[in-house]
Structure formats: C-alpha cells, structure tokens
N, C-alpha and C. Protein backbone atom coordinates (compact mmCIF):
# COMPACT_ATOMS: atom_id res chain seq x y z
N UNK A 1 -19.54 -19.64 -2.04
CA UNK A 1 -18.17 -19.42 -2.46
C UNK A 1 -17.47 -18.61 -1.37
N UNK A 2 -16.23 -18.98 -1.08
CA UNK A 2 -15.42 -18.29 -0.07
C UNK A 2 -14.14 -17.77 -0.71
N UNK A 3 -13.59 -16.73 -0.14
CA UNK A 3 -12.35 -16.13 -0.65
C UNK A 3 -11.25 -17.19 -0.70
N UNK A 4 -10.67 -17.35 -1.89
CA UNK A 4 -9.60 -18.32 -2.11
C UNK A 4 -8.76 -17.85 -3.29
N UNK A 5 -7.58 -18.43 -3.43
CA UNK A 5 -6.70 -18.08 -4.55
C UNK A 5 -7.43 -18.26 -5.87
N UNK A 6 -7.21 -17.33 -6.79
CA UNK A 6 -7.80 -17.40 -8.11
C UNK A 6 -9.18 -16.77 -8.21
N UNK A 7 -9.68 -16.20 -7.12
CA UNK A 7 -10.96 -15.50 -7.16
C UNK A 7 -10.73 -13.99 -7.14
N UNK A 8 -11.61 -13.27 -7.81
CA UNK A 8 -11.60 -11.81 -7.76
C UNK A 8 -12.50 -11.40 -6.61
N UNK A 9 -11.94 -10.62 -5.70
CA UNK A 9 -12.63 -10.21 -4.48
C UNK A 9 -12.95 -8.72 -4.57
N UNK A 10 -14.18 -8.38 -4.20
CA UNK A 10 -14.58 -6.98 -4.05
C UNK A 10 -14.70 -6.73 -2.55
N UNK A 11 -13.94 -5.75 -2.07
CA UNK A 11 -13.75 -5.55 -0.64
C UNK A 11 -14.05 -4.11 -0.24
N UNK A 12 -14.98 -3.95 0.70
CA UNK A 12 -15.19 -2.65 1.34
C UNK A 12 -14.35 -2.67 2.61
N UNK A 13 -13.70 -1.55 2.92
CA UNK A 13 -12.85 -1.54 4.11
C UNK A 13 -12.65 -0.13 4.64
N UNK A 14 -12.26 -0.08 5.89
CA UNK A 14 -11.77 1.14 6.53
C UNK A 14 -10.43 0.78 7.15
N UNK A 15 -9.44 1.63 6.96
CA UNK A 15 -8.10 1.41 7.50
C UNK A 15 -7.79 2.51 8.51
N UNK A 16 -7.40 2.07 9.72
CA UNK A 16 -7.03 3.01 10.78
C UNK A 16 -5.65 2.66 11.32
N UNK A 17 -4.99 3.68 11.89
CA UNK A 17 -3.72 3.48 12.59
C UNK A 17 -4.01 3.23 14.07
N UNK A 18 -2.95 2.97 14.84
CA UNK A 18 -3.10 2.71 16.28
C UNK A 18 -3.86 3.81 17.01
N UNK A 19 -3.66 5.06 16.58
CA UNK A 19 -4.31 6.18 17.27
C UNK A 19 -5.77 6.38 16.85
N UNK A 20 -6.28 5.50 15.97
CA UNK A 20 -7.66 5.57 15.52
C UNK A 20 -7.88 6.42 14.29
N UNK A 21 -6.82 7.10 13.82
CA UNK A 21 -6.95 7.94 12.63
C UNK A 21 -7.28 7.09 11.41
N UNK A 22 -8.37 7.45 10.72
CA UNK A 22 -8.74 6.76 9.48
C UNK A 22 -7.88 7.32 8.36
N UNK A 23 -7.16 6.42 7.66
CA UNK A 23 -6.27 6.90 6.60
C UNK A 23 -6.68 6.42 5.21
N UNK A 24 -7.63 5.48 5.13
CA UNK A 24 -8.06 5.01 3.82
C UNK A 24 -9.36 4.25 3.99
N UNK A 25 -10.13 4.19 2.91
CA UNK A 25 -11.36 3.41 2.93
C UNK A 25 -11.84 3.17 1.51
N UNK A 26 -12.69 2.18 1.39
CA UNK A 26 -13.39 1.90 0.14
C UNK A 26 -14.81 1.48 0.52
N UNK A 27 -15.80 2.16 -0.01
CA UNK A 27 -17.20 1.87 0.31
C UNK A 27 -17.70 0.67 -0.48
N UNK A 28 -18.80 0.10 -0.03
CA UNK A 28 -19.34 -1.08 -0.70
C UNK A 28 -19.79 -0.78 -2.13
N UNK A 29 -20.12 0.49 -2.43
CA UNK A 29 -20.52 0.82 -3.79
C UNK A 29 -19.34 1.21 -4.68
N UNK A 30 -18.14 1.24 -4.11
CA UNK A 30 -16.91 1.50 -4.87
C UNK A 30 -15.76 0.73 -4.21
N UNK A 31 -15.86 -0.60 -4.20
CA UNK A 31 -14.92 -1.41 -3.42
C UNK A 31 -13.54 -1.54 -4.07
N UNK A 32 -12.60 -1.98 -3.27
CA UNK A 32 -11.30 -2.42 -3.77
C UNK A 32 -11.52 -3.77 -4.43
N UNK A 33 -11.06 -3.92 -5.66
CA UNK A 33 -11.22 -5.18 -6.39
C UNK A 33 -9.82 -5.72 -6.68
N UNK A 34 -9.57 -6.97 -6.26
CA UNK A 34 -8.23 -7.53 -6.44
C UNK A 34 -8.32 -9.03 -6.70
N UNK A 35 -7.24 -9.60 -7.24
CA UNK A 35 -7.13 -11.03 -7.50
C UNK A 35 -6.48 -11.68 -6.29
N UNK A 36 -7.23 -12.52 -5.59
CA UNK A 36 -6.72 -13.14 -4.36
C UNK A 36 -5.62 -14.15 -4.69
N UNK A 37 -4.56 -14.11 -3.91
CA UNK A 37 -3.44 -15.04 -4.08
C UNK A 37 -2.37 -14.55 -5.03
N UNK A 38 -2.56 -13.37 -5.61
CA UNK A 38 -1.59 -12.84 -6.58
C UNK A 38 -0.66 -11.80 -5.96
N UNK A 39 -0.77 -11.58 -4.66
CA UNK A 39 0.11 -10.62 -4.00
C UNK A 39 -0.23 -9.17 -4.31
N UNK A 40 -1.50 -8.90 -4.65
CA UNK A 40 -1.91 -7.54 -5.00
C UNK A 40 -2.20 -6.66 -3.79
N UNK A 41 -2.35 -7.27 -2.62
CA UNK A 41 -2.57 -6.52 -1.38
C UNK A 41 -1.56 -7.02 -0.35
N UNK A 42 -1.44 -6.33 0.77
CA UNK A 42 -0.46 -6.73 1.78
C UNK A 42 -0.76 -8.14 2.28
N UNK A 43 0.30 -8.93 2.53
CA UNK A 43 0.12 -10.35 2.87
C UNK A 43 -0.74 -10.60 4.10
N UNK A 44 -0.59 -9.80 5.14
CA UNK A 44 -1.36 -10.03 6.36
C UNK A 44 -2.85 -9.87 6.15
N UNK A 45 -3.25 -8.92 5.31
CA UNK A 45 -4.67 -8.73 5.01
C UNK A 45 -5.16 -9.85 4.11
N UNK A 46 -4.38 -10.19 3.09
CA UNK A 46 -4.79 -11.26 2.18
C UNK A 46 -5.01 -12.56 2.94
N UNK A 47 -4.10 -12.90 3.85
CA UNK A 47 -4.25 -14.12 4.65
C UNK A 47 -5.53 -14.08 5.48
N UNK A 48 -5.82 -12.93 6.09
CA UNK A 48 -6.99 -12.80 6.96
C UNK A 48 -8.31 -12.90 6.20
N UNK A 49 -8.30 -12.55 4.92
CA UNK A 49 -9.53 -12.59 4.12
C UNK A 49 -9.86 -13.99 3.62
N UNK A 50 -8.87 -14.87 3.56
CA UNK A 50 -9.10 -16.23 3.06
C UNK A 50 -10.23 -16.89 3.85
N UNK A 51 -11.15 -17.48 3.13
CA UNK A 51 -12.27 -18.20 3.74
C UNK A 51 -13.50 -17.36 4.02
N UNK A 52 -13.39 -16.04 3.91
CA UNK A 52 -14.56 -15.19 4.14
C UNK A 52 -15.53 -15.32 2.97
N UNK A 53 -16.81 -15.05 3.25
CA UNK A 53 -17.86 -15.14 2.24
C UNK A 53 -18.52 -13.77 2.06
N UNK A 54 -19.27 -13.63 0.98
CA UNK A 54 -19.98 -12.37 0.74
C UNK A 54 -20.85 -12.04 1.95
N UNK A 55 -20.72 -10.80 2.41
CA UNK A 55 -21.48 -10.34 3.57
C UNK A 55 -20.73 -10.47 4.88
N UNK A 56 -19.66 -11.26 4.90
CA UNK A 56 -18.87 -11.39 6.13
C UNK A 56 -18.16 -10.08 6.43
N UNK A 57 -18.15 -9.71 7.71
CA UNK A 57 -17.46 -8.51 8.20
C UNK A 57 -16.48 -8.96 9.26
N UNK A 58 -15.30 -8.38 9.25
CA UNK A 58 -14.26 -8.78 10.20
C UNK A 58 -13.36 -7.59 10.50
N UNK A 59 -12.85 -7.56 11.74
CA UNK A 59 -11.80 -6.61 12.11
C UNK A 59 -10.48 -7.35 12.07
N UNK A 60 -9.50 -6.75 11.43
CA UNK A 60 -8.20 -7.38 11.22
C UNK A 60 -7.10 -6.39 11.58
N UNK A 61 -6.17 -6.80 12.43
CA UNK A 61 -4.98 -6.00 12.70
C UNK A 61 -3.79 -6.68 12.05
N UNK A 62 -3.03 -5.91 11.28
CA UNK A 62 -1.90 -6.45 10.53
C UNK A 62 -0.62 -5.79 11.06
N UNK A 63 0.30 -6.63 11.53
CA UNK A 63 1.56 -6.13 12.07
C UNK A 63 2.46 -5.62 10.94
N UNK A 64 3.43 -4.77 11.27
CA UNK A 64 4.31 -4.23 10.23
C UNK A 64 4.97 -5.31 9.37
N UNK A 65 5.39 -6.41 9.98
CA UNK A 65 6.09 -7.45 9.22
C UNK A 65 5.19 -8.06 8.13
N UNK A 66 3.87 -8.03 8.33
CA UNK A 66 2.93 -8.56 7.34
C UNK A 66 2.27 -7.46 6.52
N UNK A 67 2.80 -6.23 6.64
CA UNK A 67 2.26 -5.10 5.89
C UNK A 67 3.39 -4.47 5.08
N UNK A 68 3.91 -3.35 5.54
CA UNK A 68 4.95 -2.63 4.80
C UNK A 68 6.31 -2.72 5.46
N UNK A 69 6.45 -3.62 6.43
CA UNK A 69 7.73 -3.86 7.07
C UNK A 69 8.02 -2.89 8.19
N UNK A 70 9.07 -3.22 8.93
CA UNK A 70 9.55 -2.33 9.98
C UNK A 70 10.32 -1.18 9.32
N UNK A 71 10.56 -0.14 10.07
CA UNK A 71 11.36 0.97 9.55
C UNK A 71 12.80 0.49 9.38
N UNK A 72 13.32 0.66 8.17
CA UNK A 72 14.69 0.27 7.85
C UNK A 72 15.59 1.49 8.01
N UNK A 73 16.44 1.44 9.03
CA UNK A 73 17.32 2.59 9.31
C UNK A 73 18.31 2.84 8.17
N UNK A 74 18.56 1.82 7.33
CA UNK A 74 19.45 1.99 6.18
C UNK A 74 18.75 2.68 5.00
N UNK A 75 17.45 2.94 5.13
CA UNK A 75 16.70 3.55 4.04
C UNK A 75 16.58 5.07 4.21
N UNK A 76 17.52 5.65 4.93
CA UNK A 76 17.60 7.10 5.07
C UNK A 76 18.85 7.56 4.34
N UNK A 77 18.74 8.65 3.62
CA UNK A 77 19.88 9.15 2.86
C UNK A 77 19.96 10.67 2.99
N UNK A 78 21.14 11.15 3.34
CA UNK A 78 21.37 12.58 3.44
C UNK A 78 21.76 13.11 2.06
N UNK A 79 20.98 14.03 1.54
CA UNK A 79 21.22 14.59 0.21
C UNK A 79 21.55 16.08 0.35
N UNK A 80 22.69 16.51 -0.19
CA UNK A 80 23.06 17.92 -0.08
C UNK A 80 22.03 18.81 -0.79
N UNK A 81 21.87 20.00 -0.27
CA UNK A 81 20.88 20.93 -0.81
C UNK A 81 21.12 21.26 -2.28
N UNK A 82 22.39 21.27 -2.71
CA UNK A 82 22.65 21.63 -4.11
C UNK A 82 22.23 20.54 -5.09
N UNK A 83 21.77 19.40 -4.60
CA UNK A 83 21.26 18.34 -5.47
C UNK A 83 19.80 18.58 -5.85
N UNK A 84 19.15 19.54 -5.19
CA UNK A 84 17.75 19.86 -5.46
C UNK A 84 17.66 21.08 -6.36
N UNK A 85 16.62 21.18 -7.18
CA UNK A 85 16.43 22.39 -7.98
C UNK A 85 16.33 23.61 -7.06
N UNK A 86 16.93 24.70 -7.48
CA UNK A 86 17.00 25.92 -6.65
C UNK A 86 15.63 26.51 -6.37
N UNK A 87 14.66 26.28 -7.26
CA UNK A 87 13.34 26.90 -7.10
C UNK A 87 12.38 26.07 -6.24
N UNK A 88 12.86 24.98 -5.64
CA UNK A 88 12.01 24.14 -4.80
C UNK A 88 12.23 24.49 -3.34
N UNK A 89 11.13 24.84 -2.65
CA UNK A 89 11.19 25.13 -1.22
C UNK A 89 10.99 23.82 -0.46
N UNK A 90 12.06 23.31 0.12
CA UNK A 90 12.01 22.04 0.83
C UNK A 90 11.38 22.22 2.21
N UNK A 91 10.55 21.24 2.60
CA UNK A 91 9.90 21.26 3.91
C UNK A 91 9.92 19.85 4.47
N UNK A 92 10.04 19.74 5.80
CA UNK A 92 9.96 18.43 6.44
C UNK A 92 8.58 17.83 6.15
N UNK A 93 8.57 16.54 5.85
CA UNK A 93 7.33 15.84 5.53
C UNK A 93 6.97 15.87 4.05
N UNK A 94 7.68 16.69 3.28
CA UNK A 94 7.41 16.82 1.85
C UNK A 94 7.73 15.51 1.13
N UNK A 95 6.84 15.10 0.23
CA UNK A 95 7.07 13.92 -0.58
C UNK A 95 7.81 14.28 -1.86
N UNK A 96 8.69 13.40 -2.28
CA UNK A 96 9.48 13.61 -3.50
C UNK A 96 9.50 12.33 -4.32
N UNK A 97 9.55 12.47 -5.62
CA UNK A 97 9.80 11.33 -6.51
C UNK A 97 11.22 11.48 -7.02
N UNK A 98 11.97 10.38 -6.94
CA UNK A 98 13.37 10.41 -7.36
C UNK A 98 13.61 9.25 -8.32
N UNK A 99 14.68 9.36 -9.07
CA UNK A 99 15.10 8.27 -9.96
C UNK A 99 16.47 7.81 -9.51
N UNK A 100 16.61 6.50 -9.30
CA UNK A 100 17.90 5.92 -8.94
C UNK A 100 18.80 5.99 -10.17
N UNK A 101 19.92 6.70 -10.06
CA UNK A 101 20.83 6.88 -11.20
C UNK A 101 21.43 5.57 -11.68
N UNK A 102 21.52 4.56 -10.81
CA UNK A 102 22.11 3.28 -11.20
C UNK A 102 21.13 2.37 -11.92
N UNK A 103 19.85 2.38 -11.47
CA UNK A 103 18.88 1.43 -12.02
C UNK A 103 17.82 2.09 -12.89
N UNK A 104 17.66 3.41 -12.76
CA UNK A 104 16.60 4.10 -13.49
C UNK A 104 15.24 3.94 -12.84
N UNK A 105 15.18 3.23 -11.72
CA UNK A 105 13.92 2.97 -11.03
C UNK A 105 13.45 4.22 -10.29
N UNK A 106 12.13 4.50 -10.42
CA UNK A 106 11.56 5.63 -9.69
C UNK A 106 11.28 5.22 -8.26
N UNK A 107 11.58 6.11 -7.32
CA UNK A 107 11.37 5.85 -5.90
C UNK A 107 10.67 7.06 -5.29
N UNK A 108 9.84 6.78 -4.30
CA UNK A 108 9.22 7.86 -3.54
C UNK A 108 9.99 8.03 -2.25
N UNK A 109 10.15 9.25 -1.82
CA UNK A 109 10.86 9.56 -0.58
C UNK A 109 10.14 10.70 0.11
N UNK A 110 10.43 10.85 1.37
CA UNK A 110 9.88 11.93 2.18
C UNK A 110 11.02 12.62 2.90
N UNK A 111 10.94 13.92 3.03
CA UNK A 111 11.96 14.64 3.78
C UNK A 111 11.69 14.43 5.26
N UNK A 112 12.58 13.70 5.90
CA UNK A 112 12.45 13.39 7.31
C UNK A 112 12.94 14.54 8.18
N UNK A 113 14.01 15.19 7.73
CA UNK A 113 14.62 16.26 8.54
C UNK A 113 15.44 17.17 7.63
N UNK A 114 15.39 18.45 7.91
CA UNK A 114 16.25 19.42 7.22
C UNK A 114 17.40 19.74 8.17
N UNK A 115 18.61 19.42 7.72
CA UNK A 115 19.81 19.62 8.54
C UNK A 115 20.66 20.72 7.92
N UNK A 116 21.71 21.11 8.63
CA UNK A 116 22.61 22.13 8.11
C UNK A 116 23.30 21.68 6.82
N UNK A 117 23.59 20.38 6.72
CA UNK A 117 24.36 19.85 5.58
C UNK A 117 23.51 19.20 4.50
N UNK A 118 22.18 19.24 4.63
CA UNK A 118 21.33 18.67 3.60
C UNK A 118 20.00 18.17 4.14
N UNK A 119 19.23 17.58 3.25
CA UNK A 119 17.92 17.03 3.60
C UNK A 119 18.06 15.53 3.83
N UNK A 120 17.55 15.07 4.97
CA UNK A 120 17.55 13.64 5.27
C UNK A 120 16.29 13.04 4.67
N UNK A 121 16.49 12.19 3.65
CA UNK A 121 15.36 11.57 2.96
C UNK A 121 15.07 10.20 3.56
N UNK A 122 13.79 9.91 3.72
CA UNK A 122 13.31 8.62 4.21
C UNK A 122 12.74 7.87 3.01
N UNK A 123 13.36 6.74 2.66
CA UNK A 123 12.91 5.94 1.52
C UNK A 123 11.99 4.80 1.94
N UNK A 124 11.69 4.70 3.23
CA UNK A 124 10.74 3.69 3.70
C UNK A 124 9.34 4.00 3.18
N UNK A 125 8.50 2.97 3.09
CA UNK A 125 7.09 3.20 2.78
C UNK A 125 6.51 4.06 3.90
N UNK A 126 5.60 4.98 3.59
CA UNK A 126 5.04 5.84 4.64
C UNK A 126 4.38 5.07 5.79
N UNK A 127 3.94 3.84 5.54
CA UNK A 127 3.29 3.05 6.59
C UNK A 127 4.23 2.01 7.19
N UNK A 128 5.51 2.06 6.86
CA UNK A 128 6.48 1.15 7.49
C UNK A 128 6.46 1.38 9.00
N UNK A 129 6.52 0.29 9.75
CA UNK A 129 6.54 0.38 11.20
C UNK A 129 5.17 0.52 11.84
N UNK A 130 4.13 0.63 11.04
CA UNK A 130 2.77 0.82 11.56
C UNK A 130 2.00 -0.49 11.61
N UNK A 131 1.25 -0.69 12.70
CA UNK A 131 0.25 -1.76 12.74
C UNK A 131 -1.01 -1.19 12.11
N UNK A 132 -1.56 -1.91 11.15
CA UNK A 132 -2.72 -1.43 10.39
C UNK A 132 -3.97 -2.14 10.88
N UNK A 133 -5.03 -1.37 11.13
CA UNK A 133 -6.28 -1.92 11.66
C UNK A 133 -7.38 -1.74 10.61
N UNK A 134 -7.84 -2.85 10.08
CA UNK A 134 -8.86 -2.86 9.04
C UNK A 134 -10.20 -3.33 9.60
N UNK A 135 -11.27 -2.74 9.12
CA UNK A 135 -12.60 -3.32 9.22
C UNK A 135 -12.96 -3.63 7.78
N UNK A 136 -13.24 -4.91 7.51
CA UNK A 136 -13.43 -5.35 6.12
C UNK A 136 -14.79 -6.02 5.95
N UNK A 137 -15.33 -5.89 4.75
CA UNK A 137 -16.54 -6.61 4.37
C UNK A 137 -16.37 -7.11 2.94
N UNK A 138 -16.64 -8.39 2.73
CA UNK A 138 -16.60 -8.96 1.38
C UNK A 138 -17.93 -8.61 0.72
N UNK A 139 -17.87 -7.85 -0.38
CA UNK A 139 -19.09 -7.42 -1.07
C UNK A 139 -19.27 -8.10 -2.42
N UNK A 140 -18.27 -8.85 -2.87
CA UNK A 140 -18.39 -9.57 -4.13
C UNK A 140 -17.29 -10.59 -4.31
N UNK A 141 -17.62 -11.68 -4.97
CA UNK A 141 -16.65 -12.74 -5.30
C UNK A 141 -17.00 -13.29 -6.66
N UNK A 142 -15.99 -13.55 -7.47
CA UNK A 142 -16.21 -14.24 -8.75
C UNK A 142 -14.92 -14.94 -9.15
N UNK A 143 -15.07 -15.90 -10.03
CA UNK A 143 -13.89 -16.58 -10.54
C UNK A 143 -13.13 -15.63 -11.47
N UNK A 144 -11.82 -15.67 -11.42
CA UNK A 144 -11.00 -14.83 -12.29
C UNK A 144 -11.03 -15.37 -13.71
N UNK A 145 -10.92 -14.49 -14.68
CA UNK A 145 -10.82 -14.91 -16.07
C UNK A 145 -9.40 -15.41 -16.35
N UNK A 146 -9.24 -16.08 -17.46
CA UNK A 146 -7.93 -16.55 -17.88
C UNK A 146 -6.95 -15.38 -18.03
N UNK A 147 -7.43 -14.27 -18.62
CA UNK A 147 -6.58 -13.09 -18.78
C UNK A 147 -6.16 -12.51 -17.43
N UNK A 148 -7.09 -12.45 -16.48
CA UNK A 148 -6.76 -11.92 -15.16
C UNK A 148 -5.69 -12.76 -14.48
N UNK A 149 -5.83 -14.06 -14.57
CA UNK A 149 -4.83 -14.95 -13.96
C UNK A 149 -3.48 -14.78 -14.66
N UNK A 150 -3.50 -14.70 -16.00
CA UNK A 150 -2.25 -14.52 -16.75
C UNK A 150 -1.58 -13.19 -16.42
N UNK A 151 -2.38 -12.14 -16.23
CA UNK A 151 -1.84 -10.81 -15.93
C UNK A 151 -1.52 -10.62 -14.45
N UNK A 152 -2.09 -11.47 -13.60
CA UNK A 152 -1.81 -11.39 -12.16
C UNK A 152 -2.58 -10.32 -11.42
N UNK A 153 -3.68 -9.83 -12.01
CA UNK A 153 -4.51 -8.84 -11.33
C UNK A 153 -5.91 -8.84 -11.91
N UNK A 154 -6.85 -8.27 -11.15
CA UNK A 154 -8.24 -8.18 -11.60
C UNK A 154 -8.38 -7.11 -12.67
N UNK A 155 -9.28 -7.36 -13.60
CA UNK A 155 -9.60 -6.37 -14.62
C UNK A 155 -10.96 -5.77 -14.26
N UNK A 156 -11.00 -4.46 -14.11
CA UNK A 156 -12.23 -3.75 -13.78
C UNK A 156 -12.59 -2.82 -14.93
N UNK A 157 -13.71 -2.13 -14.81
CA UNK A 157 -14.19 -1.26 -15.89
C UNK A 157 -13.17 -0.19 -16.26
N UNK A 158 -12.40 0.28 -15.29
CA UNK A 158 -11.41 1.34 -15.58
C UNK A 158 -10.00 0.79 -15.79
N UNK A 159 -9.90 -0.51 -16.04
CA UNK A 159 -8.61 -1.18 -16.19
C UNK A 159 -7.94 -0.81 -17.51
N UNK A 160 -6.65 -0.52 -17.45
CA UNK A 160 -5.83 -0.31 -18.64
C UNK A 160 -4.48 -0.97 -18.42
N UNK A 161 -3.80 -1.27 -19.49
CA UNK A 161 -2.43 -1.81 -19.39
C UNK A 161 -1.46 -0.82 -19.93
C-alpha cells in the first residue's frame, strides 16, 4: 500500500528552517496522523508524500507558496496602545490572540514592532515566507473509515469533536 487520497497516514518527521534550526518533530512512536488528500497538512508536503510506502524515508523542501505563503505586507496592522489592556506589558515578538470585531473570528498575531504611535501587529502565519525542510518517514498506513472521510480528518485515540 502506498500513500494516496483516502488513506490515514502515520508520519514521523523533523522540520527545519533554512538555517538548520529544528522547529518541530514527531517521533515514530508518536507520529503525526492525518487523512491524506483532505488538506490536513500543507499542500507541498502532502504532494511529496504521495506514493511513499511504510518504511520509506525522504527529505522534502517545501517553498513558501506550497506551505504558509509569502509574507503579505497587507497583513500588518498598527494598533494604538490604548486598545490593549493597561496591565499587559507589550514586547516585540509577543504572540496575541485577537477577535475580529466584524466577523467574530479569532486570529493570532505577533507584535512585529513597538512604535511611538502603537504596536505593529503581524497577522501572517509565523512560518510565512519560510522554506520548510522536512525529513519524513512513513510509519503507518491504513484505509480511512467512513466517519473519517465524512469528517475530513483521521480519528485517533485522543480524538474529540
């Protein structure tokens, strides 16, 4: 059996940036489990895994366009300091969760810069603009259940809805 749409894949991996810094991993005894073809992982990695078999190991580099996109210069917003709670000490690089007042959607942001007139928030994904370097190993494959296909994701022991 080879990785294909509709299969549940168990994947061990190490993720590094261009400078070699390891930023994420999943060991073979605690793999990432996902439903292939359902868009549960970044497209460039999902495409590269197609056709692999249990035990196959591969190095994969995924460009920003096939991962989290390029940095969108329109995704920066200057927010005046009085919009933040007074008891919060703002720092560059600090992560924040915000709610869009128009849609009610929760968004994650990072303080890119503290300026005289406010905090410049970056709403891009933290890995936007990065080429991602994976070392991957397929450690398990199985056919997805009807429920998994209907829900669009793999069900694991710790799965909840």
